[in-house]
């Protein structure tokens, strides 16, 4: 199982702060594609991804037990 943590507008779009992915295996890029297709999440190319609290790239392979955080850009003043 992979846990996906959602923040800011991603959390608002889905209505949850986390998703449990019981049968997902693949890369971060494949996960983003899955989320776009199944949850209609947009603009995932501009977000930061952390796996197990370490920033990573689209080629990172996800494994059972990973915690993936999707962190949108933040602005403010």
N, C-alpha and C. Protein backbone atom coordinates (compact mmCIF):
# COMPACT_ATOMS: atom_id res chain seq x y z
N UNK A 1 0.83 -1.17 0.00
CA UNK A 1 0.00 0.00 0.00
C UNK A 1 0.88 1.24 0.00
N UNK A 2 0.48 2.23 -0.77
CA UNK A 2 1.15 3.53 -0.81
C UNK A 2 0.16 4.57 -0.28
N UNK A 3 0.64 5.44 0.59
CA UNK A 3 -0.20 6.53 1.10
C UNK A 3 0.19 7.80 0.36
N UNK A 4 -0.80 8.52 -0.17
CA UNK A 4 -0.57 9.77 -0.88
C UNK A 4 -1.16 10.90 -0.05
N UNK A 5 -0.33 11.84 0.36
CA UNK A 5 -0.76 13.00 1.14
C UNK A 5 -1.00 14.17 0.20
N UNK A 6 -2.12 14.84 0.38
CA UNK A 6 -2.52 15.96 -0.49
C UNK A 6 -2.59 17.25 0.31
N UNK A 7 -2.14 18.33 -0.29
CA UNK A 7 -2.14 19.63 0.38
C UNK A 7 -2.78 20.69 -0.50
N UNK A 8 -3.22 21.78 0.12
CA UNK A 8 -3.74 22.97 -0.55
C UNK A 8 -4.86 22.62 -1.54
N UNK A 9 -4.75 23.12 -2.77
CA UNK A 9 -5.85 22.94 -3.74
C UNK A 9 -6.06 21.48 -4.14
N UNK A 10 -5.03 20.65 -4.03
CA UNK A 10 -5.20 19.23 -4.35
C UNK A 10 -6.13 18.57 -3.33
N UNK A 11 -5.95 18.92 -2.07
CA UNK A 11 -6.82 18.42 -1.01
C UNK A 11 -8.26 18.89 -1.23
N UNK A 12 -8.42 20.14 -1.63
CA UNK A 12 -9.76 20.68 -1.88
C UNK A 12 -10.43 20.02 -3.07
N UNK A 13 -9.67 19.73 -4.14
CA UNK A 13 -10.24 19.11 -5.33
C UNK A 13 -10.80 17.72 -5.03
N UNK A 14 -10.10 16.95 -4.22
CA UNK A 14 -10.53 15.59 -3.93
C UNK A 14 -11.46 15.53 -2.72
N UNK A 15 -11.29 16.47 -1.80
CA UNK A 15 -12.10 16.47 -0.58
C UNK A 15 -11.51 15.58 0.52
N UNK A 16 -10.25 15.20 0.35
CA UNK A 16 -9.56 14.37 1.34
C UNK A 16 -8.12 14.86 1.46
N UNK A 17 -7.52 14.58 2.61
CA UNK A 17 -6.13 14.95 2.79
C UNK A 17 -5.17 13.81 2.45
N UNK A 18 -5.71 12.60 2.27
CA UNK A 18 -4.85 11.49 1.88
C UNK A 18 -5.64 10.42 1.13
N UNK A 19 -4.90 9.67 0.32
CA UNK A 19 -5.43 8.54 -0.42
C UNK A 19 -4.61 7.31 -0.08
N UNK A 20 -5.25 6.16 -0.03
CA UNK A 20 -4.56 4.89 0.16
C UNK A 20 -4.60 4.14 -1.17
N UNK A 21 -3.45 3.83 -1.71
CA UNK A 21 -3.35 3.13 -2.99
C UNK A 21 -2.92 1.70 -2.71
N UNK A 22 -3.87 0.79 -2.68
CA UNK A 22 -3.58 -0.59 -2.30
C UNK A 22 -2.81 -1.38 -3.36
N UNK A 23 -3.08 -1.11 -4.61
CA UNK A 23 -2.49 -1.97 -5.64
C UNK A 23 -1.61 -1.21 -6.63
N UNK A 24 -1.13 -0.02 -6.28
CA UNK A 24 -0.32 0.76 -7.22
C UNK A 24 1.14 0.35 -7.14
N UNK A 25 1.75 0.19 -8.31
CA UNK A 25 3.20 0.03 -8.39
C UNK A 25 3.65 0.76 -9.65
N UNK A 26 4.75 1.45 -9.55
CA UNK A 26 5.28 2.21 -10.68
C UNK A 26 6.11 3.37 -10.21
N UNK A 27 6.27 4.36 -11.08
CA UNK A 27 7.09 5.53 -10.79
C UNK A 27 6.20 6.69 -10.34
N UNK A 28 6.85 7.74 -9.88
CA UNK A 28 6.13 8.96 -9.51
C UNK A 28 5.38 9.50 -10.73
N UNK A 29 6.00 9.47 -11.91
CA UNK A 29 5.35 9.95 -13.12
C UNK A 29 4.08 9.14 -13.41
N UNK A 30 4.13 7.84 -13.23
CA UNK A 30 2.96 7.00 -13.45
C UNK A 30 1.88 7.29 -12.41
N UNK A 31 2.29 7.56 -11.18
CA UNK A 31 1.32 7.92 -10.14
C UNK A 31 0.61 9.22 -10.50
N UNK A 32 1.37 10.21 -10.97
CA UNK A 32 0.75 11.48 -11.36
C UNK A 32 -0.25 11.27 -12.49
N UNK A 33 0.09 10.43 -13.46
CA UNK A 33 -0.84 10.12 -14.54
C UNK A 33 -2.09 9.44 -14.03
N UNK A 34 -1.94 8.53 -13.10
CA UNK A 34 -3.07 7.83 -12.50
C UNK A 34 -3.99 8.81 -11.77
N UNK A 35 -3.39 9.73 -11.01
CA UNK A 35 -4.19 10.70 -10.26
C UNK A 35 -4.91 11.67 -11.20
N UNK A 36 -4.25 12.05 -12.29
CA UNK A 36 -4.91 12.94 -13.26
C UNK A 36 -6.09 12.23 -13.90
N UNK A 37 -5.92 10.98 -14.25
CA UNK A 37 -6.97 10.23 -14.94
C UNK A 37 -8.12 9.85 -14.01
N UNK A 38 -7.83 9.41 -12.80
CA UNK A 38 -8.86 8.88 -11.91
C UNK A 38 -9.45 9.89 -10.94
N UNK A 39 -8.73 10.98 -10.68
CA UNK A 39 -9.22 11.98 -9.73
C UNK A 39 -9.31 13.37 -10.35
N UNK A 40 -9.03 13.48 -11.63
CA UNK A 40 -9.10 14.75 -12.36
C UNK A 40 -8.22 15.85 -11.74
N UNK A 41 -7.11 15.46 -11.16
CA UNK A 41 -6.17 16.45 -10.63
C UNK A 41 -5.39 17.05 -11.78
N UNK A 42 -5.31 18.37 -11.79
CA UNK A 42 -4.65 19.09 -12.87
C UNK A 42 -3.35 19.72 -12.39
N UNK A 43 -2.51 20.11 -13.34
CA UNK A 43 -1.27 20.84 -13.07
C UNK A 43 -0.32 20.11 -12.12
N UNK A 44 -0.22 18.80 -12.25
CA UNK A 44 0.68 18.06 -11.37
C UNK A 44 2.14 18.20 -11.78
N UNK A 45 2.41 18.80 -12.94
CA UNK A 45 3.79 19.00 -13.36
C UNK A 45 4.47 20.12 -12.56
N UNK A 46 3.68 20.98 -11.94
CA UNK A 46 4.26 22.11 -11.21
C UNK A 46 4.40 21.85 -9.71
N UNK A 47 4.06 20.66 -9.25
CA UNK A 47 4.13 20.39 -7.82
C UNK A 47 5.44 19.70 -7.45
N UNK A 48 5.81 19.82 -6.20
CA UNK A 48 6.95 19.10 -5.66
C UNK A 48 6.45 17.76 -5.13
N UNK A 49 7.28 16.74 -5.26
CA UNK A 49 6.94 15.41 -4.77
C UNK A 49 7.98 15.00 -3.74
N UNK A 50 7.52 14.51 -2.61
CA UNK A 50 8.41 13.93 -1.62
C UNK A 50 7.97 12.50 -1.36
N UNK A 51 8.93 11.60 -1.33
CA UNK A 51 8.66 10.20 -0.98
C UNK A 51 9.41 9.92 0.31
N UNK A 52 8.65 9.53 1.33
CA UNK A 52 9.23 9.26 2.65
C UNK A 52 10.06 10.45 3.15
N UNK A 53 9.49 11.65 2.95
CA UNK A 53 10.04 12.92 3.43
C UNK A 53 11.31 13.36 2.73
N UNK A 54 11.58 12.82 1.53
CA UNK A 54 12.72 13.27 0.73
C UNK A 54 12.22 13.66 -0.66
N UNK A 55 12.58 14.86 -1.11
CA UNK A 55 12.17 15.29 -2.44
C UNK A 55 12.74 14.35 -3.48
N UNK A 56 11.97 14.13 -4.54
CA UNK A 56 12.40 13.19 -5.58
C UNK A 56 11.95 13.70 -6.94
N UNK A 57 12.21 12.91 -7.98
CA UNK A 57 11.80 13.29 -9.33
C UNK A 57 10.83 12.26 -9.90
N UNK A 58 10.39 12.49 -11.12
CA UNK A 58 9.38 11.64 -11.75
C UNK A 58 9.86 10.20 -11.97
N UNK A 59 11.16 9.96 -11.99
CA UNK A 59 11.68 8.63 -12.25
C UNK A 59 11.80 7.76 -11.00
N UNK A 60 11.48 8.31 -9.85
CA UNK A 60 11.58 7.56 -8.60
C UNK A 60 10.56 6.42 -8.60
N UNK A 61 11.03 5.22 -8.31
CA UNK A 61 10.15 4.06 -8.23
C UNK A 61 9.52 3.98 -6.85
N UNK A 62 8.20 3.81 -6.83
CA UNK A 62 7.47 3.71 -5.57
C UNK A 62 7.38 2.26 -5.14
N UNK A 63 7.46 2.06 -3.83
CA UNK A 63 7.41 0.71 -3.26
C UNK A 63 6.32 0.64 -2.20
N UNK A 64 5.89 -0.55 -1.92
CA UNK A 64 4.90 -0.79 -0.88
C UNK A 64 5.37 -0.16 0.43
N UNK A 65 4.49 0.58 1.08
CA UNK A 65 4.82 1.24 2.34
C UNK A 65 5.28 2.68 2.20
N UNK A 66 5.51 3.15 0.97
CA UNK A 66 5.95 4.53 0.76
C UNK A 66 4.85 5.51 1.12
N UNK A 67 5.28 6.68 1.58
CA UNK A 67 4.38 7.81 1.81
C UNK A 67 4.80 8.90 0.84
N UNK A 68 3.86 9.27 -0.04
CA UNK A 68 4.12 10.24 -1.09
C UNK A 68 3.37 11.53 -0.77
N UNK A 69 4.08 12.64 -0.69
CA UNK A 69 3.46 13.94 -0.44
C UNK A 69 3.46 14.75 -1.73
N UNK A 70 2.29 15.27 -2.10
CA UNK A 70 2.15 16.14 -3.27
C UNK A 70 2.04 17.57 -2.75
N UNK A 71 3.06 18.38 -3.04
CA UNK A 71 3.17 19.71 -2.45
C UNK A 71 3.10 20.76 -3.55
N UNK A 72 1.96 21.47 -3.65
CA UNK A 72 1.82 22.51 -4.66
C UNK A 72 2.70 23.72 -4.33
N UNK A 73 2.98 24.55 -5.36
CA UNK A 73 3.71 25.78 -5.09
C UNK A 73 2.92 26.68 -4.15
N UNK A 74 3.65 27.41 -3.32
CA UNK A 74 3.02 28.28 -2.33
C UNK A 74 3.42 29.72 -2.65
N UNK A 75 2.45 30.60 -2.55
CA UNK A 75 2.76 32.03 -2.72
C UNK A 75 2.15 32.79 -1.56
N UNK A 76 2.63 33.94 -1.34
CA UNK A 76 2.11 34.74 -0.25
C UNK A 76 3.02 35.92 0.03
N UNK A 77 2.72 36.63 1.03
CA UNK A 77 3.54 37.79 1.33
C UNK A 77 3.64 38.10 2.75
